[in-house]
Amino acid sequence: MKTIVVYNSQTGFTERYAKWIAEAAQADCLPLSEAKKRDLAPYKAIIFGSWACAGGISKLNWFKSNMDKWAGRKLVVFCVGASPMDSPDIAPALRQSFTESEFAKVKAFYCPGGLNYEKMSAPSRLMMKMFRKTLQAKKDKTEDQREMLRIISASYDISDRKYIQPILECLKD
């Protein structure tokens, strides 16, 4: 099946996953800026990957605005975030990114990446700093909040090729 992986990456985690998926699926792989200039009609499967932040998926509107045009194709979205795979917030965040009708047309996945403060944009670094300060100032933190504070205090990488397996399985259907 002729497949393309289109990605939007800020700090490199999403690009890494996109390239892993493309390699394993023998797919073409393009950054979003290049894909916007291309006709994706020849592809039978279109995979879009981007980074997650505050419960949303960056640049998802580009993908959603093209879904009707890509009717009849296998549509897949993956997002990469800083949360571990077992976070209870992931499934609801993926679900709320789509309307009912959109969600019926797409398969959505999450891949844990990490944080790379050195490559983050200034606004993203500022947002993370404000989030850390808010958590630090909170009295009577829950265990989850203490763990979150510990995790976001420095750059880290929890990406792993094993997380692309469900995406690859989806392409076989």
Protein backbone atom coordinates (compact mmCIF):
# COMPACT_ATOMS: atom_id res chain seq x y z
CA MET A 1 0.00 0.00 0.00
CA LYS A 2 1.51 3.33 -1.04
CA THR A 3 1.91 5.24 2.23
CA ILE A 4 3.17 8.65 3.28
CA VAL A 5 4.12 9.88 6.73
CA VAL A 6 3.75 13.65 7.18
CA TYR A 7 5.16 15.13 10.37
CA ASN A 8 5.36 18.36 12.31
CA SER A 9 8.17 18.32 14.86
CA GLN A 10 9.38 20.98 17.24
CA THR A 11 12.20 19.28 19.14
CA GLY A 12 12.87 16.14 17.09
CA PHE A 13 10.83 13.45 18.84
CA THR A 14 8.00 13.45 16.27
CA GLU A 15 10.47 13.49 13.38
CA ARG A 16 12.23 10.47 14.89
CA TYR A 17 8.95 8.53 15.16
CA ALA A 18 7.90 9.57 11.65
CA LYS A 19 11.16 8.27 10.20
CA TRP A 20 10.91 5.02 12.17
CA ILE A 21 7.36 4.47 10.88
CA ALA A 22 8.32 5.36 7.30
CA GLU A 23 11.30 3.01 7.39
CA ALA A 24 9.29 0.11 8.82
CA ALA A 25 6.33 0.68 6.46
CA GLN A 26 8.49 1.46 3.42
CA ALA A 27 6.65 4.77 3.18
CA ASP A 28 7.54 8.21 1.94
CA CYS A 29 8.22 10.72 4.72
CA LEU A 30 7.94 14.50 4.54
CA PRO A 31 7.84 17.40 6.96
CA LEU A 32 4.49 19.19 6.93
CA SER A 33 5.96 22.26 5.22
CA GLU A 34 6.86 20.12 2.17
CA ALA A 35 3.73 17.95 2.25
CA LYS A 36 1.52 21.04 2.01
CA LYS A 37 2.98 21.63 -1.47
CA ARG A 38 2.28 18.07 -2.65
CA ASP A 39 -0.73 16.26 -4.01
CA LEU A 40 -1.26 13.33 -1.65
CA ALA A 41 -3.96 11.74 -3.83
CA PRO A 42 -1.70 8.87 -5.01
CA TYR A 43 -1.30 7.59 -1.44
CA LYS A 44 -3.59 4.89 -0.08
CA ALA A 45 -2.53 5.56 3.53
CA ILE A 46 -1.79 9.00 4.96
CA ILE A 47 -0.17 9.17 8.38
CA PHE A 48 0.13 12.51 10.17
CA GLY A 49 2.31 12.93 13.23
CA SER A 50 2.77 15.96 15.41
CA TRP A 51 3.55 16.92 18.96
CA ALA A 52 1.08 17.08 21.77
CA CYS A 53 0.88 19.97 24.16
CA ALA A 54 -1.71 20.81 26.80
CA GLY A 55 -4.14 18.22 25.47
CA GLY A 56 -3.99 19.32 21.83
CA ILE A 57 -2.10 18.22 18.72
CA SER A 58 -0.07 20.86 16.90
CA LYS A 59 -1.12 21.55 13.29
CA LEU A 60 -3.90 18.94 13.43
CA ASN A 61 -6.27 21.34 11.65
CA TRP A 62 -4.25 20.89 8.43
CA PHE A 63 -4.92 17.15 8.55
CA LYS A 64 -8.57 17.54 9.56
CA SER A 65 -9.23 20.06 6.78
CA ASN A 66 -8.10 17.48 4.21
CA MET A 67 -9.89 14.41 5.58
CA ASP A 68 -12.91 14.69 3.26
CA LYS A 69 -10.61 15.07 0.25
CA TRP A 70 -8.83 11.86 1.34
CA ALA A 71 -12.02 9.80 1.71
CA GLY A 72 -11.48 6.11 1.05
CA ARG A 73 -7.88 6.18 2.25
CA LYS A 74 -6.49 4.83 5.49
CA LEU A 75 -6.04 7.87 7.74
CA VAL A 76 -3.79 7.69 10.78
CA VAL A 77 -2.74 10.33 13.30
CA PHE A 78 -0.08 9.93 15.93
CA CYS A 79 1.00 12.47 18.46
CA VAL A 80 4.16 12.52 20.52
CA GLY A 81 4.21 13.94 24.01
CA ALA A 82 6.07 14.10 27.26
CA SER A 83 3.71 11.81 29.19
CA PRO A 84 4.51 8.16 29.74
CA MET A 85 2.44 5.65 27.77
CA ASP A 86 0.32 4.67 30.77
CA SER A 87 -0.95 8.19 31.48
CA PRO A 88 -4.76 8.16 31.91
CA ASP A 89 -4.98 11.55 30.14
CA ILE A 90 -3.88 10.24 26.74
CA ALA A 91 -7.03 8.50 25.47
CA PRO A 92 -9.40 11.37 26.36
CA ALA A 93 -7.00 13.92 24.82
CA LEU A 94 -6.80 11.95 21.56
CA ARG A 95 -10.57 11.54 21.48
CA GLN A 96 -11.33 15.21 22.12
CA SER A 97 -9.08 16.23 19.22
CA PHE A 98 -11.72 15.03 16.75
CA THR A 99 -15.45 15.39 16.20
CA GLU A 100 -17.53 12.18 16.22
CA SER A 101 -17.55 11.98 12.42
CA GLU A 102 -13.80 12.70 12.14
CA PHE A 103 -12.95 10.13 14.80
CA ALA A 104 -14.88 7.49 12.85
CA LYS A 105 -12.58 8.06 9.84
CA VAL A 106 -9.20 8.07 11.57
CA LYS A 107 -7.06 5.84 13.77
CA ALA A 108 -5.30 7.85 16.48
CA PHE A 109 -2.20 6.83 18.43
CA TYR A 110 0.13 8.21 21.07
CA CYS A 111 3.91 7.77 21.26
CA PRO A 112 5.86 8.94 24.32
CA GLY A 113 8.77 11.19 23.43
CA GLY A 114 10.06 13.42 26.18
CA LEU A 115 11.16 16.97 26.67
CA ASN A 116 14.10 18.72 25.07
CA TYR A 117 14.31 22.19 26.55
CA GLU A 118 17.37 23.04 24.43
CA LYS A 119 15.40 22.63 21.18
CA MET A 120 12.08 24.01 22.42
CA SER A 121 10.80 27.34 21.13
CA ALA A 122 10.95 30.27 23.54
CA PRO A 123 7.13 30.35 23.99
CA SER A 124 7.07 26.60 24.75
CA ARG A 125 9.93 26.94 27.26
CA LEU A 126 8.09 29.81 28.92
CA MET A 127 4.87 27.80 29.09
CA MET A 128 6.70 24.87 30.69
CA LYS A 129 8.41 27.21 33.16
CA MET A 130 5.04 28.67 34.18
CA PHE A 131 3.58 25.17 34.53
CA ARG A 132 6.52 24.11 36.75
CA LYS A 133 6.15 27.21 38.92
CA THR A 134 2.42 26.60 39.29
CA LEU A 135 3.06 23.02 40.37
CA GLN A 136 5.87 24.05 42.72
CA ALA A 137 3.66 26.64 44.41
CA LYS A 138 0.77 24.24 44.93
CA LYS A 139 0.31 23.19 48.53
CA ASP A 140 -0.68 19.61 49.34
CA LYS A 141 0.47 18.22 46.00
CA THR A 142 -0.86 14.81 45.04
CA GLU A 143 1.59 12.01 44.30
CA ASP A 144 0.86 12.46 40.56
CA GLN A 145 1.62 16.19 40.79
CA ARG A 146 4.90 15.54 42.61
CA GLU A 147 5.86 12.99 39.96
CA MET A 148 4.91 15.41 37.16
CA LEU A 149 7.06 18.11 38.75
CA ARG A 150 9.99 15.71 38.97
CA ILE A 151 9.58 14.61 35.35
CA ILE A 152 9.33 18.09 33.79
CA SER A 153 12.26 19.55 35.72
CA ALA A 154 14.82 18.57 33.07
CA SER A 155 15.08 17.30 29.50
CA TYR A 156 14.54 13.57 29.01
CA ASP A 157 13.91 11.03 26.25
CA ILE A 158 11.54 8.06 26.64
CA SER A 159 11.01 7.43 22.92
CA ASP A 160 11.28 3.83 21.73
CA ARG A 161 10.66 2.04 18.43
CA LYS A 162 8.33 -0.39 20.20
CA TYR A 163 5.65 2.32 20.34
CA ILE A 164 5.21 2.33 16.55
CA GLN A 165 4.02 -1.29 16.50
CA PRO A 166 0.29 -0.48 16.86
CA ILE A 167 0.58 2.00 13.97
CA LEU A 168 2.26 -0.59 11.77
CA GLU A 169 -0.40 -3.16 12.69
CA CYS A 170 -3.10 -0.65 11.73
CA LEU A 171 -1.57 -0.35 8.26
CA LYS A 172 -1.91 -4.12 7.73
CA ASP A 173 -5.71 -4.10 8.22
